[in-house]
Amino acid sequence: IENHHCRILISCVKKIDKDVVEEEPEEKPIDPFAGENMFIDIETKRLVLKCIDQSDRDFIFEEYQNDFITKYQYDEEPMTDIKEADDLIEFYNMKEPRNQNRWVIIDKNRKIKMGTCGFHLWDKERNEVEIGFELMEKYNGKGYMTEAVEAIIEFAKIQMKVDIIKALVYVENYKCKRLVERFGFKKVDKEECIFRGKIYLHDIYEKNLKVNDSNLTTAST
């Protein structure tokens, strides 16, 4: 079974040093990205992309125990304790300015949570960021992920002023690869991820937002 899983960087969650996070920050030059609430909810034709918060803990826990979602997740084991969902939410919901954000994908009319999408590893000096997303199996094939990804790519371009978006996709996750390629991502390299003592090869994709892609194809992803 193929799915839309594109790395969400769960492994980074466990690397947060909470003592460091909670220290008073040193005085630094003014950061042009330091405005409050850069990351806001996004609305599309059928979806609300809601910034993740503690109200999503049960859904996140359900997702990251789900075999379909975790099939290509080669950076961390499936969740076994709801505290792991809390930690993930804390990571993506740190006080701004931050280098990551996650939106929960919600069906606007039915108020159903279907998956998540977002960014991490935002390098503001290089104007680069990495994208990640996943969608529960029963919502595949209806164009929801295409709609969500299109919206956050536009957000990255207009609000985050990003030039390059990267995606790390397992080589056999063909559905995800088709999706990013549809949005003009180009394969630029490969990366080996070691998980449970085995090596899993991933393709590294990049999308240059300075290049105008007018050939986006409609899809039921």
C-alpha atoms as a PDB file:
ATOM      1  CA  ILE A   1       0.000   0.000   0.000  1.00  0.00           C
ATOM      2  CA  GLU A   2       1.321   3.445  -0.869  1.00  0.00           C
ATOM      3  CA  ASN A   3       0.648   6.527   1.196  1.00  0.00           C
ATOM      4  CA  HIS A   4       1.441  10.198   1.335  1.00  0.00           C
ATOM      5  CA  HIS A   5       3.894  10.088   4.212  1.00  0.00           C
ATOM      6  CA  CYS A   6       6.678  12.594   3.737  1.00  0.00           C
ATOM      7  CA  ARG A   7       9.044  12.874   6.711  1.00  0.00           C
ATOM      8  CA  ILE A   8       7.682  14.899   9.639  1.00  0.00           C
ATOM      9  CA  LEU A   9      10.890  14.750  11.682  1.00  0.00           C
ATOM     10  CA  ILE A  10       9.540  12.988  14.765  1.00  0.00           C
ATOM     11  CA  SER A  11      13.134  12.247  15.774  1.00  0.00           C
ATOM     12  CA  CYS A  12      13.786  15.941  16.403  1.00  0.00           C
ATOM     13  CA  VAL A  13      11.133  16.008  19.117  1.00  0.00           C
ATOM     14  CA  LYS A  14      13.275  13.979  21.499  1.00  0.00           C
ATOM     15  CA  LYS A  15      16.284  16.242  20.934  1.00  0.00           C
ATOM     16  CA  ILE A  16      14.698  19.321  22.517  1.00  0.00           C
ATOM     17  CA  ASP A  17      16.599  20.370  25.619  1.00  0.00           C
ATOM     18  CA  LYS A  18      13.757  21.810  27.648  1.00  0.00           C
ATOM     19  CA  ASP A  19      16.150  23.543  30.042  1.00  0.00           C
ATOM     20  CA  VAL A  20      17.668  25.411  27.127  1.00  0.00           C
ATOM     21  CA  VAL A  21      14.284  26.227  25.619  1.00  0.00           C
ATOM     22  CA  GLU A  22      13.091  27.724  28.868  1.00  0.00           C
ATOM     23  CA  GLU A  23      16.178  29.889  29.487  1.00  0.00           C
ATOM     24  CA  GLU A  24      15.976  33.635  28.969  1.00  0.00           C
ATOM     25  CA  PRO A  25      17.182  34.258  25.405  1.00  0.00           C
ATOM     26  CA  GLU A  26      20.350  36.259  24.846  1.00  0.00           C
ATOM     27  CA  GLU A  27      19.946  39.674  23.311  1.00  0.00           C
ATOM     28  CA  LYS A  28      20.202  39.348  19.554  1.00  0.00           C
ATOM     29  CA  PRO A  29      19.798  41.606  16.514  1.00  0.00           C
ATOM     30  CA  ILE A  30      16.207  42.152  15.417  1.00  0.00           C
ATOM     31  CA  ASP A  31      14.928  39.146  13.509  1.00  0.00           C
ATOM     32  CA  PRO A  32      12.653  40.101  10.569  1.00  0.00           C
ATOM     33  CA  PHE A  33      10.800  36.790  11.102  1.00  0.00           C
ATOM     34  CA  ALA A  34      10.223  37.411  14.804  1.00  0.00           C
ATOM     35  CA  GLY A  35       6.694  38.799  14.573  1.00  0.00           C
ATOM     36  CA  GLU A  36       4.117  37.049  16.699  1.00  0.00           C
ATOM     37  CA  ASN A  37       1.746  34.555  15.124  1.00  0.00           C
ATOM     38  CA  MET A  38       3.392  34.169  11.746  1.00  0.00           C
ATOM     39  CA  PHE A  39       1.896  30.686  11.660  1.00  0.00           C
ATOM     40  CA  ILE A  40      -1.869  30.983  11.407  1.00  0.00           C
ATOM     41  CA  ASP A  41      -4.766  28.769  10.361  1.00  0.00           C
ATOM     42  CA  ILE A  42      -5.298  28.484   6.604  1.00  0.00           C
ATOM     43  CA  GLU A  43      -8.613  27.968   4.844  1.00  0.00           C
ATOM     44  CA  THR A  44      -9.043  26.439   1.378  1.00  0.00           C
ATOM     45  CA  LYS A  45     -12.120  25.484  -0.619  1.00  0.00           C
ATOM     46  CA  ARG A  46     -12.770  22.289   1.353  1.00  0.00           C
ATOM     47  CA  LEU A  47     -10.293  22.386   4.214  1.00  0.00           C
ATOM     48  CA  VAL A  48      -9.237  24.179   7.330  1.00  0.00           C
ATOM     49  CA  LEU A  49      -5.532  23.790   8.077  1.00  0.00           C
ATOM     50  CA  LYS A  50      -5.442  24.390  11.825  1.00  0.00           C
ATOM     51  CA  CYS A  51      -2.175  24.991  13.657  1.00  0.00           C
ATOM     52  CA  ILE A  52      -1.637  21.968  15.853  1.00  0.00           C
ATOM     53  CA  ASP A  53      -2.384  22.332  19.570  1.00  0.00           C
ATOM     54  CA  GLN A  54      -3.110  20.230  22.622  1.00  0.00           C
ATOM     55  CA  SER A  55      -6.686  19.559  21.507  1.00  0.00           C
ATOM     56  CA  ASP A  56      -5.195  17.348  18.752  1.00  0.00           C
ATOM     57  CA  ARG A  57      -3.377  14.929  21.087  1.00  0.00           C
ATOM     58  CA  ASP A  58      -5.815  12.025  20.663  1.00  0.00           C
ATOM     59  CA  PHE A  59      -5.812  12.352  16.876  1.00  0.00           C
ATOM     60  CA  ILE A  60      -2.006  12.558  16.681  1.00  0.00           C
ATOM     61  CA  PHE A  61      -1.680   9.525  18.944  1.00  0.00           C
ATOM     62  CA  GLU A  62      -4.144   7.609  16.751  1.00  0.00           C
ATOM     63  CA  GLU A  63      -2.294   8.606  13.570  1.00  0.00           C
ATOM     64  CA  TYR A  64       1.143   7.583  14.710  1.00  0.00           C
ATOM     65  CA  GLN A  65       0.014   4.154  15.822  1.00  0.00           C
ATOM     66  CA  ASN A  66      -1.659   3.557  12.454  1.00  0.00           C
ATOM     67  CA  ASP A  67       0.173   1.058  10.213  1.00  0.00           C
ATOM     68  CA  PHE A  68      -0.734   2.963   7.040  1.00  0.00           C
ATOM     69  CA  ILE A  69       0.712   6.223   8.381  1.00  0.00           C
ATOM     70  CA  THR A  70       3.864   4.663   9.831  1.00  0.00           C
ATOM     71  CA  LYS A  71       4.590   2.393   6.843  1.00  0.00           C
ATOM     72  CA  TYR A  72       7.297   4.736   5.512  1.00  0.00           C
ATOM     73  CA  GLN A  73       8.219   6.392   8.802  1.00  0.00           C
ATOM     74  CA  TYR A  74      11.892   5.526   9.119  1.00  0.00           C
ATOM     75  CA  ASP A  75      12.979   8.113  11.683  1.00  0.00           C
ATOM     76  CA  GLU A  76      11.093   6.902  14.769  1.00  0.00           C
ATOM     77  CA  GLU A  77       9.048   3.985  16.109  1.00  0.00           C
ATOM     78  CA  PRO A  78       5.217   4.180  16.108  1.00  0.00           C
ATOM     79  CA  MET A  79       3.845   5.883  19.194  1.00  0.00           C
ATOM     80  CA  THR A  80       3.024   3.719  22.209  1.00  0.00           C
ATOM     81  CA  ASP A  81       2.331   6.388  24.838  1.00  0.00           C
ATOM     82  CA  ILE A  82       0.136   9.476  24.456  1.00  0.00           C
ATOM     83  CA  LYS A  83       2.911  11.548  26.021  1.00  0.00           C
ATOM     84  CA  GLU A  84       4.729  11.102  22.702  1.00  0.00           C
ATOM     85  CA  ALA A  85       1.854  12.905  21.011  1.00  0.00           C
ATOM     86  CA  ASP A  86       2.135  15.650  23.625  1.00  0.00           C
ATOM     87  CA  ASP A  87       5.868  15.967  22.909  1.00  0.00           C
ATOM     88  CA  LEU A  88       5.271  16.175  19.162  1.00  0.00           C
ATOM     89  CA  ILE A  89       2.654  18.897  19.649  1.00  0.00           C
ATOM     90  CA  GLU A  90       4.981  20.797  21.981  1.00  0.00           C
ATOM     91  CA  PHE A  91       7.745  20.674  19.365  1.00  0.00           C
ATOM     92  CA  TYR A  92       5.536  22.078  16.616  1.00  0.00           C
ATOM     93  CA  ASN A  93       3.854  24.558  18.950  1.00  0.00           C
ATOM     94  CA  MET A  94       6.912  26.181  20.509  1.00  0.00           C
ATOM     95  CA  LYS A  95       6.771  29.898  21.099  1.00  0.00           C
ATOM     96  CA  GLU A  96       7.455  31.913  17.963  1.00  0.00           C
ATOM     97  CA  PRO A  97       9.751  32.656  16.291  1.00  0.00           C
ATOM     98  CA  ARG A  98      10.333  28.966  15.577  1.00  0.00           C
ATOM     99  CA  ASN A  99      11.680  26.905  12.688  1.00  0.00           C
ATOM    100  CA  GLN A 100       8.764  24.466  12.337  1.00  0.00           C
ATOM    101  CA  ASN A 101       4.978  24.390  12.165  1.00  0.00           C
ATOM    102  CA  ARG A 102       2.349  21.710  11.701  1.00  0.00           C
ATOM    103  CA  TRP A 103      -1.229  22.089  10.529  1.00  0.00           C
ATOM    104  CA  VAL A 104      -3.976  19.545  11.148  1.00  0.00           C
ATOM    105  CA  ILE A 105      -5.950  18.922   7.944  1.00  0.00           C
ATOM    106  CA  ILE A 106      -9.672  19.230   8.719  1.00  0.00           C
ATOM    107  CA  ASP A 107     -12.663  18.677   6.435  1.00  0.00           C
ATOM    108  CA  LYS A 108     -14.364  22.074   6.638  1.00  0.00           C
ATOM    109  CA  ASN A 109     -17.926  20.798   6.389  1.00  0.00           C
ATOM    110  CA  ARG A 110     -17.713  17.572   8.386  1.00  0.00           C
ATOM    111  CA  LYS A 111     -15.202  18.884  10.981  1.00  0.00           C
ATOM    112  CA  ILE A 112     -13.176  15.681  10.614  1.00  0.00           C
ATOM    113  CA  LYS A 113      -9.415  15.560  11.223  1.00  0.00           C
ATOM    114  CA  MET A 114      -7.779  13.674   8.358  1.00  0.00           C
ATOM    115  CA  GLY A 115      -4.020  14.181   8.574  1.00  0.00           C
ATOM    116  CA  THR A 116      -1.337  16.817   9.022  1.00  0.00           C
ATOM    117  CA  CYS A 117       1.082  18.832   6.925  1.00  0.00           C
ATOM    118  CA  GLY A 118       3.756  21.365   7.688  1.00  0.00           C
ATOM    119  CA  PHE A 119       7.359  22.505   7.671  1.00  0.00           C
ATOM    120  CA  HIS A 120      10.509  21.886   9.703  1.00  0.00           C
ATOM    121  CA  LEU A 121      14.241  22.649   9.499  1.00  0.00           C
ATOM    122  CA  TRP A 122      13.571  26.210   8.347  1.00  0.00           C
ATOM    123  CA  ASP A 123      16.938  27.779   7.510  1.00  0.00           C
ATOM    124  CA  LYS A 124      16.214  31.507   7.393  1.00  0.00           C
ATOM    125  CA  GLU A 125      19.680  32.412   6.184  1.00  0.00           C
ATOM    126  CA  ARG A 126      19.423  30.111   3.165  1.00  0.00           C
ATOM    127  CA  ASN A 127      15.660  30.671   2.765  1.00  0.00           C
ATOM    128  CA  GLU A 128      15.101  26.897   2.773  1.00  0.00           C
ATOM    129  CA  VAL A 129      12.645  24.656   4.581  1.00  0.00           C
ATOM    130  CA  GLU A 130      11.614  21.004   4.537  1.00  0.00           C
ATOM    131  CA  ILE A 131       7.999  19.931   3.981  1.00  0.00           C
ATOM    132  CA  GLY A 132       6.238  16.946   5.533  1.00  0.00           C
ATOM    133  CA  PHE A 133       2.705  15.532   5.389  1.00  0.00           C
ATOM    134  CA  GLU A 134       0.533  12.465   5.880  1.00  0.00           C
ATOM    135  CA  LEU A 135      -3.126  11.541   5.394  1.00  0.00           C
ATOM    136  CA  MET A 136      -5.173   8.735   6.930  1.00  0.00           C
ATOM    137  CA  GLU A 137      -5.872   5.958   4.419  1.00  0.00           C
ATOM    138  CA  LYS A 138      -9.659   6.373   4.191  1.00  0.00           C
ATOM    139  CA  TYR A 139      -9.271   9.974   2.987  1.00  0.00           C
ATOM    140  CA  ASN A 140      -6.871   9.158   0.142  1.00  0.00           C
ATOM    141  CA  GLY A 141      -7.905   9.609  -3.463  1.00  0.00           C
ATOM    142  CA  LYS A 142     -10.099  12.677  -2.953  1.00  0.00           C
ATOM    143  CA  GLY A 143      -7.573  15.432  -3.637  1.00  0.00           C
ATOM    144  CA  TYR A 144      -7.314  16.566  -0.015  1.00  0.00           C
ATOM    145  CA  MET A 145      -3.544  16.363   0.220  1.00  0.00           C
ATOM    146  CA  THR A 146      -3.055  18.143  -3.086  1.00  0.00           C
ATOM    147  CA  GLU A 147      -5.270  20.957  -1.802  1.00  0.00           C
ATOM    148  CA  ALA A 148      -3.428  21.156   1.518  1.00  0.00           C
ATOM    149  CA  VAL A 149       0.082  21.043   0.053  1.00  0.00           C
ATOM    150  CA  GLU A 150      -0.772  23.707  -2.503  1.00  0.00           C
ATOM    151  CA  ALA A 151      -1.959  25.987   0.307  1.00  0.00           C
ATOM    152  CA  ILE A 152       1.125  25.615   2.500  1.00  0.00           C
ATOM    153  CA  ILE A 153       3.515  26.003  -0.436  1.00  0.00           C
ATOM    154  CA  GLU A 154       1.840  29.343  -1.129  1.00  0.00           C
ATOM    155  CA  PHE A 155       2.169  30.186   2.570  1.00  0.00           C
ATOM    156  CA  ALA A 156       5.893  29.376   2.481  1.00  0.00           C
ATOM    157  CA  LYS A 157       6.393  31.584  -0.537  1.00  0.00           C
ATOM    158  CA  ILE A 158       4.362  34.609   0.590  1.00  0.00           C
ATOM    159  CA  GLN A 159       4.610  34.569   4.385  1.00  0.00           C
ATOM    160  CA  MET A 160       7.878  32.750   5.105  1.00  0.00           C
ATOM    161  CA  LYS A 161       9.728  34.204   2.080  1.00  0.00           C
ATOM    162  CA  VAL A 162      11.194  30.783   1.322  1.00  0.00           C
ATOM    163  CA  ASP A 163      13.062  30.171  -1.936  1.00  0.00           C
ATOM    164  CA  ILE A 164      13.616  26.408  -1.695  1.00  0.00           C
ATOM    165  CA  ILE A 165      11.337  23.716  -0.244  1.00  0.00           C
ATOM    166  CA  LYS A 166      12.852  20.279   0.321  1.00  0.00           C
ATOM    167  CA  ALA A 167      11.143  16.904   0.701  1.00  0.00           C
ATOM    168  CA  LEU A 168      12.635  13.608   1.877  1.00  0.00           C
ATOM    169  CA  VAL A 169      10.707  10.638   0.472  1.00  0.00           C
ATOM    170  CA  TYR A 170      11.378   6.917   0.794  1.00  0.00           C
ATOM    171  CA  VAL A 171      12.305   5.559  -2.647  1.00  0.00           C
ATOM    172  CA  GLU A 172       9.397   3.081  -2.738  1.00  0.00           C
ATOM    173  CA  ASN A 173       6.728   5.570  -1.651  1.00  0.00           C
ATOM    174  CA  TYR A 174       5.619   6.170  -5.222  1.00  0.00           C
ATOM    175  CA  LYS A 175       2.380   7.965  -4.403  1.00  0.00           C
ATOM    176  CA  CYS A 176       4.185  10.586  -2.367  1.00  0.00           C
ATOM    177  CA  LYS A 177       6.838  10.952  -5.054  1.00  0.00           C
ATOM    178  CA  ARG A 178       4.157  11.524  -7.686  1.00  0.00           C
ATOM    179  CA  LEU A 179       2.583  14.198  -5.510  1.00  0.00           C
ATOM    180  CA  VAL A 180       5.738  16.239  -4.970  1.00  0.00           C
ATOM    181  CA  GLU A 181       6.730  15.873  -8.616  1.00  0.00           C
ATOM    182  CA  ARG A 182       3.300  17.176  -9.589  1.00  0.00           C
ATOM    183  CA  PHE A 183       4.142  20.347  -7.681  1.00  0.00           C
ATOM    184  CA  GLY A 184       7.406  20.813  -9.548  1.00  0.00           C
ATOM    185  CA  PHE A 185       9.782  19.230  -7.022  1.00  0.00           C
ATOM    186  CA  LYS A 186      12.942  17.896  -8.674  1.00  0.00           C
ATOM    187  CA  LYS A 187      15.005  14.955  -7.434  1.00  0.00           C
ATOM    188  CA  VAL A 188      18.433  16.300  -6.461  1.00  0.00           C
ATOM    189  CA  ASP A 189      20.082  13.691  -4.244  1.00  0.00           C
ATOM    190  CA  LYS A 190      19.627  10.611  -2.059  1.00  0.00           C
ATOM    191  CA  GLU A 191      19.962  10.016   1.675  1.00  0.00           C
ATOM    192  CA  GLU A 192      20.310   6.835   3.701  1.00  0.00           C
ATOM    193  CA  CYS A 193      18.260   6.541   6.887  1.00  0.00           C
ATOM    194  CA  ILE A 194      19.177   3.829   9.392  1.00  0.00           C
ATOM    195  CA  PHE A 195      16.170   2.374  11.207  1.00  0.00           C
ATOM    196  CA  ARG A 196      16.014  -0.833  13.267  1.00  0.00           C
ATOM    197  CA  GLY A 197      19.512  -1.678  12.034  1.00  0.00           C
ATOM    198  CA  LYS A 198      18.574  -1.488   8.342  1.00  0.00           C
ATOM    199  CA  ILE A 199      19.357   1.168   5.743  1.00  0.00           C
ATOM    200  CA  TYR A 200      16.424   2.786   3.939  1.00  0.00           C
ATOM    201  CA  LEU A 201      17.218   4.890   0.889  1.00  0.00           C
ATOM    202  CA  HIS A 202      15.307   8.164   0.470  1.00  0.00           C
ATOM    203  CA  ASP A 203      15.136  10.565  -2.442  1.00  0.00           C
ATOM    204  CA  ILE A 204      15.756  14.233  -1.702  1.00  0.00           C
ATOM    205  CA  TYR A 205      13.537  16.581  -3.680  1.00  0.00           C
ATOM    206  CA  GLU A 206      13.683  20.348  -4.035  1.00  0.00           C
ATOM    207  CA  LYS A 207      11.212  22.906  -5.332  1.00  0.00           C
ATOM    208  CA  ASN A 208      12.530  26.305  -6.374  1.00  0.00           C
ATOM    209  CA  LEU A 209       9.836  28.873  -5.590  1.00  0.00           C
ATOM    210  CA  LYS A 210      11.581  31.437  -7.760  1.00  0.00           C
ATOM    211  CA  VAL A 211      10.613  29.342 -10.781  1.00  0.00           C
ATOM    212  CA  ASN A 212       7.003  29.773 -11.895  1.00  0.00           C
ATOM    213  CA  ASP A 213       5.378  26.353 -12.375  1.00  0.00           C
ATOM    214  CA  SER A 214       2.345  26.737 -14.614  1.00  0.00           C
ATOM    215  CA  ASN A 215       1.993  23.026 -15.399  1.00  0.00           C
ATOM    216  CA  LEU A 216       0.555  21.740 -12.110  1.00  0.00           C
ATOM    217  CA  THR A 217      -1.690  18.840 -12.970  1.00  0.00           C
ATOM    218  CA  THR A 218      -4.948  18.145 -11.241  1.00  0.00           C
ATOM    219  CA  ALA A 219      -4.908  14.985  -9.154  1.00  0.00           C
ATOM    220  CA  SER A 220      -7.090  13.012  -6.785  1.00  0.00           C
ATOM    221  CA  THR A 221      -4.387  12.753  -4.151  1.00  0.00           C
END
